[in-house]
C-alpha cells in the first residue's frame, strides 16, 4: 500500500523535521493544533537566532583569520543545515493556516 504523503501533510498532523527528512504523524483528533504551532514557532525563533549568530561569526574577519579551515567548514555546514530546517518549518507552519 502506497501512502499519499501530500494528502497526509495537508491534514492536521504532527511533523518532526529531522536533518534530512520529515516524520509526519496524522493526528488530527489527538493533537492541539495551537500547541503544535507554538512549538514550531519556538523552534523557528531558535533557528533564526542560531542562523544570525552563525552568519555573524562567518563574516567576522577576526574569526576567519584565526579559525582552522575545518572549523570554518563545520560552521558553514551547520549554517546550511539550520537554514534548510528553518525553511521546512516555515513551510509546515503555513499549512496550519
N, C-alpha and C. Protein backbone atom coordinates (compact mmCIF):
# COMPACT_ATOMS: atom_id res chain seq x y z
N UNK A 1 0.84 -1.18 0.00
CA UNK A 1 0.00 0.00 0.00
C UNK A 1 0.89 1.25 0.00
N UNK A 2 0.65 2.13 -0.92
CA UNK A 2 1.42 3.36 -1.03
C UNK A 2 0.67 4.50 -0.33
N UNK A 3 1.38 5.23 0.52
CA UNK A 3 0.78 6.35 1.22
C UNK A 3 0.79 7.60 0.35
N UNK A 4 -0.29 8.34 0.40
CA UNK A 4 -0.36 9.62 -0.29
C UNK A 4 0.16 10.68 0.67
N UNK A 5 1.48 10.88 0.67
CA UNK A 5 2.10 11.78 1.63
C UNK A 5 1.59 13.21 1.51
N UNK A 6 1.37 13.69 0.30
CA UNK A 6 0.88 15.06 0.13
C UNK A 6 -0.47 15.23 0.80
N UNK A 7 -1.34 14.24 0.68
CA UNK A 7 -2.65 14.31 1.30
C UNK A 7 -2.53 14.27 2.82
N UNK A 8 -1.65 13.41 3.33
CA UNK A 8 -1.45 13.32 4.77
C UNK A 8 -0.93 14.64 5.32
N UNK A 9 0.00 15.25 4.63
CA UNK A 9 0.58 16.50 5.10
C UNK A 9 -0.45 17.62 5.11
N UNK A 10 -1.41 17.59 4.19
CA UNK A 10 -2.45 18.61 4.15
C UNK A 10 -3.36 18.51 5.37
N UNK A 11 -3.50 17.32 5.90
CA UNK A 11 -4.32 17.12 7.09
C UNK A 11 -3.57 17.67 8.29
N UNK A 12 -4.31 17.81 9.38
CA UNK A 12 -3.65 18.20 10.62
C UNK A 12 -2.77 17.04 11.05
N UNK A 13 -1.50 17.29 11.17
CA UNK A 13 -0.55 16.25 11.51
C UNK A 13 0.61 16.85 12.28
N UNK A 14 1.25 16.02 13.06
CA UNK A 14 2.47 16.43 13.74
C UNK A 14 3.62 16.12 12.80
N UNK A 15 4.47 17.09 12.60
CA UNK A 15 5.62 16.89 11.72
C UNK A 15 6.87 17.20 12.51
N UNK A 16 7.78 16.27 12.50
CA UNK A 16 9.08 16.48 13.12
C UNK A 16 10.10 16.59 11.99
N UNK A 17 10.76 17.73 11.92
CA UNK A 17 11.75 17.97 10.87
C UNK A 17 13.10 17.51 11.39
N UNK A 18 13.63 16.50 10.74
CA UNK A 18 14.94 15.97 11.10
C UNK A 18 15.97 16.48 10.11
N UNK A 19 17.19 16.03 10.25
CA UNK A 19 18.28 16.55 9.42
C UNK A 19 17.97 16.42 7.93
N UNK A 20 17.60 15.23 7.47
CA UNK A 20 17.40 15.00 6.04
C UNK A 20 15.98 14.59 5.68
N UNK A 21 15.08 14.58 6.63
CA UNK A 21 13.74 14.07 6.36
C UNK A 21 12.73 14.69 7.30
N UNK A 22 11.47 14.43 7.04
CA UNK A 22 10.39 14.86 7.90
C UNK A 22 9.58 13.63 8.30
N UNK A 23 9.22 13.57 9.56
CA UNK A 23 8.36 12.50 10.05
C UNK A 23 6.97 13.10 10.20
N UNK A 24 5.99 12.53 9.50
CA UNK A 24 4.62 13.04 9.52
C UNK A 24 3.74 12.02 10.22
N UNK A 25 3.06 12.47 11.28
CA UNK A 25 2.15 11.59 12.01
C UNK A 25 0.77 12.24 11.99
N UNK A 26 -0.17 11.69 11.19
CA UNK A 26 -1.52 12.24 11.17
C UNK A 26 -2.17 12.06 12.54
N UNK A 27 -2.54 13.16 13.15
CA UNK A 27 -3.10 13.10 14.50
C UNK A 27 -4.18 14.16 14.67
N UNK A 28 -5.00 14.28 13.70
CA UNK A 28 -5.97 15.35 13.66
C UNK A 28 -6.76 15.48 14.96
N UNK A 29 -7.19 14.37 15.51
CA UNK A 29 -8.02 14.46 16.72
C UNK A 29 -7.21 14.28 18.00
N UNK A 30 -5.91 14.08 17.88
CA UNK A 30 -5.10 13.79 19.06
C UNK A 30 -4.16 14.92 19.47
N UNK A 31 -4.03 15.93 18.67
CA UNK A 31 -3.06 16.99 18.93
C UNK A 31 -3.75 18.34 18.95
N UNK A 32 -3.38 19.15 19.90
CA UNK A 32 -3.86 20.52 19.95
C UNK A 32 -3.05 21.33 18.93
N UNK A 33 -3.69 21.72 17.85
CA UNK A 33 -3.00 22.40 16.75
C UNK A 33 -2.34 23.68 17.23
N UNK A 34 -2.98 24.40 18.11
CA UNK A 34 -2.41 25.64 18.63
C UNK A 34 -1.09 25.37 19.35
N UNK A 35 -1.07 24.31 20.16
CA UNK A 35 0.16 23.94 20.88
C UNK A 35 1.25 23.54 19.90
N UNK A 36 0.88 22.79 18.87
CA UNK A 36 1.86 22.37 17.86
C UNK A 36 2.42 23.59 17.12
N UNK A 37 1.56 24.54 16.77
CA UNK A 37 2.04 25.76 16.10
C UNK A 37 3.00 26.51 17.01
N UNK A 38 2.66 26.60 18.30
CA UNK A 38 3.54 27.29 19.25
C UNK A 38 4.90 26.61 19.33
N UNK A 39 4.89 25.28 19.34
CA UNK A 39 6.14 24.52 19.39
C UNK A 39 7.00 24.82 18.17
N UNK A 40 6.36 24.81 17.01
CA UNK A 40 7.10 25.08 15.77
C UNK A 40 7.62 26.51 15.76
N UNK A 41 6.81 27.46 16.20
CA UNK A 41 7.26 28.86 16.22
C UNK A 41 8.45 29.05 17.16
N UNK A 42 8.46 28.36 18.29
CA UNK A 42 9.62 28.44 19.20
C UNK A 42 10.86 27.89 18.52
N UNK A 43 10.69 26.80 17.81
CA UNK A 43 11.84 26.22 17.11
C UNK A 43 12.32 27.16 16.00
N UNK A 44 11.39 27.80 15.30
CA UNK A 44 11.74 28.77 14.26
C UNK A 44 12.53 29.93 14.88
N UNK A 45 12.06 30.44 16.01
CA UNK A 45 12.77 31.53 16.69
C UNK A 45 14.20 31.13 17.06
N UNK A 46 14.34 29.92 17.58
CA UNK A 46 15.67 29.44 17.97
C UNK A 46 16.57 29.30 16.75
N UNK A 47 16.03 28.76 15.66
CA UNK A 47 16.82 28.60 14.44
C UNK A 47 17.24 29.95 13.87
N UNK A 48 16.33 30.93 13.89
CA UNK A 48 16.67 32.26 13.39
C UNK A 48 17.81 32.87 14.21
N UNK A 49 17.76 32.65 15.53
CA UNK A 49 18.83 33.14 16.40
C UNK A 49 20.15 32.44 16.08
N UNK A 50 20.10 31.12 15.91
CA UNK A 50 21.31 30.36 15.56
C UNK A 50 21.88 30.83 14.23
N UNK A 51 21.01 31.05 13.25
CA UNK A 51 21.44 31.48 11.92
C UNK A 51 22.11 32.84 11.99
N UNK A 52 21.50 33.77 12.74
CA UNK A 52 22.10 35.10 12.89
C UNK A 52 23.50 35.00 13.51
N UNK A 53 23.62 34.17 14.55
CA UNK A 53 24.90 34.01 15.23
C UNK A 53 25.94 33.40 14.29
N UNK A 54 25.55 32.37 13.56
CA UNK A 54 26.49 31.72 12.63
C UNK A 54 26.90 32.65 11.50
N UNK A 55 25.93 33.39 10.94
CA UNK A 55 26.25 34.33 9.86
C UNK A 55 27.18 35.42 10.35
N UNK A 56 26.96 35.89 11.57
CA UNK A 56 27.83 36.91 12.15
C UNK A 56 29.25 36.37 12.31
N UNK A 57 29.34 35.17 12.81
CA UNK A 57 30.65 34.54 13.00
C UNK A 57 31.36 34.34 11.67
N UNK A 58 30.62 33.91 10.65
CA UNK A 58 31.24 33.62 9.36
C UNK A 58 31.56 34.87 8.54
N UNK A 59 31.13 36.03 9.01
CA UNK A 59 31.51 37.28 8.34
C UNK A 59 32.51 38.08 9.19
N UNK A 60 32.88 37.53 10.33
CA UNK A 60 33.85 38.17 11.23
C UNK A 60 35.26 37.87 10.74
N UNK A 61 35.95 38.88 10.26
CA UNK A 61 37.29 38.67 9.70
C UNK A 61 38.26 38.14 10.75
N UNK A 62 38.08 38.50 12.00
CA UNK A 62 38.94 38.00 13.06
C UNK A 62 38.77 36.49 13.22
N UNK A 63 37.53 36.04 13.25
CA UNK A 63 37.26 34.60 13.35
C UNK A 63 37.82 33.87 12.14
N UNK A 64 37.54 34.40 10.96
CA UNK A 64 38.00 33.75 9.73
C UNK A 64 39.52 33.69 9.65
N UNK A 65 40.18 34.69 10.20
CA UNK A 65 41.64 34.72 10.17
C UNK A 65 42.30 33.78 11.16
N UNK A 66 41.60 33.47 12.26
CA UNK A 66 42.20 32.65 13.31
C UNK A 66 41.74 31.20 13.31
N UNK A 67 40.52 30.95 12.85
CA UNK A 67 39.96 29.60 12.94
C UNK A 67 40.56 28.66 11.89
N UNK A 68 40.77 27.41 12.28
CA UNK A 68 41.23 26.42 11.30
C UNK A 68 40.17 26.22 10.21
N UNK A 69 40.62 25.83 9.04
CA UNK A 69 39.71 25.65 7.90
C UNK A 69 38.59 24.66 8.22
N UNK A 70 38.90 23.61 8.95
CA UNK A 70 37.86 22.62 9.23
C UNK A 70 36.79 23.17 10.18
N UNK A 71 37.15 24.09 11.06
CA UNK A 71 36.18 24.73 11.94
C UNK A 71 35.26 25.64 11.12
N UNK A 72 35.84 26.39 10.21
CA UNK A 72 35.04 27.26 9.34
C UNK A 72 34.10 26.42 8.49
N UNK A 73 34.61 25.33 7.95
CA UNK A 73 33.80 24.44 7.13
C UNK A 73 32.63 23.86 7.94
N UNK A 74 32.89 23.47 9.17
CA UNK A 74 31.85 22.91 10.05
C UNK A 74 30.79 23.96 10.35
N UNK A 75 31.20 25.18 10.58
CA UNK A 75 30.24 26.25 10.86
C UNK A 75 29.37 26.53 9.62
N UNK A 76 29.97 26.50 8.45
CA UNK A 76 29.21 26.69 7.21
C UNK A 76 28.19 25.58 7.04
N UNK A 77 28.61 24.37 7.35
CA UNK A 77 27.70 23.21 7.25
C UNK A 77 26.54 23.36 8.23
N UNK A 78 26.84 23.77 9.45
CA UNK A 78 25.80 23.98 10.46
C UNK A 78 24.82 25.07 10.00
N UNK A 79 25.35 26.12 9.39
CA UNK A 79 24.50 27.20 8.89
C UNK A 79 23.55 26.69 7.81
N UNK A 80 24.07 25.93 6.86
CA UNK A 80 23.23 25.39 5.79
C UNK A 80 22.16 24.45 6.34
N UNK A 81 22.52 23.61 7.29
CA UNK A 81 21.55 22.70 7.91
C UNK A 81 20.44 23.46 8.60
N UNK A 82 20.80 24.50 9.33
CA UNK A 82 19.79 25.29 10.05
C UNK A 82 18.89 26.06 9.08
N UNK A 83 19.46 26.58 8.01
CA UNK A 83 18.63 27.27 7.02
C UNK A 83 17.65 26.31 6.36
N UNK A 84 18.10 25.12 6.05
CA UNK A 84 17.22 24.11 5.45
C UNK A 84 16.10 23.75 6.42
N UNK A 85 16.43 23.50 7.65
CA UNK A 85 15.42 23.15 8.66
C UNK A 85 14.44 24.29 8.85
N UNK A 86 14.93 25.51 8.89
CA UNK A 86 14.08 26.69 9.04
C UNK A 86 13.08 26.79 7.89
N UNK A 87 13.55 26.59 6.68
CA UNK A 87 12.67 26.67 5.51
C UNK A 87 11.56 25.61 5.59
N UNK A 88 11.94 24.40 5.97
CA UNK A 88 10.93 23.33 6.06
C UNK A 88 9.92 23.62 7.16
N UNK A 89 10.36 24.17 8.28
CA UNK A 89 9.43 24.52 9.35
C UNK A 89 8.51 25.67 8.92
N UNK A 90 9.04 26.63 8.20
CA UNK A 90 8.19 27.73 7.72
C UNK A 90 7.12 27.22 6.75
N UNK A 91 7.51 26.29 5.90
CA UNK A 91 6.52 25.70 5.00
C UNK A 91 5.46 24.95 5.78
N UNK A 92 5.89 24.25 6.80
CA UNK A 92 4.93 23.49 7.61
C UNK A 92 3.97 24.40 8.36
N UNK A 93 4.47 25.47 8.92
CA UNK A 93 3.61 26.37 9.70
C UNK A 93 2.56 27.02 8.81
N UNK A 94 2.91 27.27 7.54
CA UNK A 94 1.94 27.85 6.61
C UNK A 94 0.80 26.88 6.33
N UNK A 95 1.01 25.61 6.44
CA UNK A 95 -0.02 24.62 6.16
C UNK A 95 -1.07 24.56 7.28
N UNK A 96 -0.76 25.13 8.44
CA UNK A 96 -1.73 25.19 9.52
C UNK A 96 -2.79 26.26 9.26
N UNK A 97 -2.43 27.26 8.50
CA UNK A 97 -3.36 28.38 8.26
C UNK A 97 -4.39 28.06 7.20
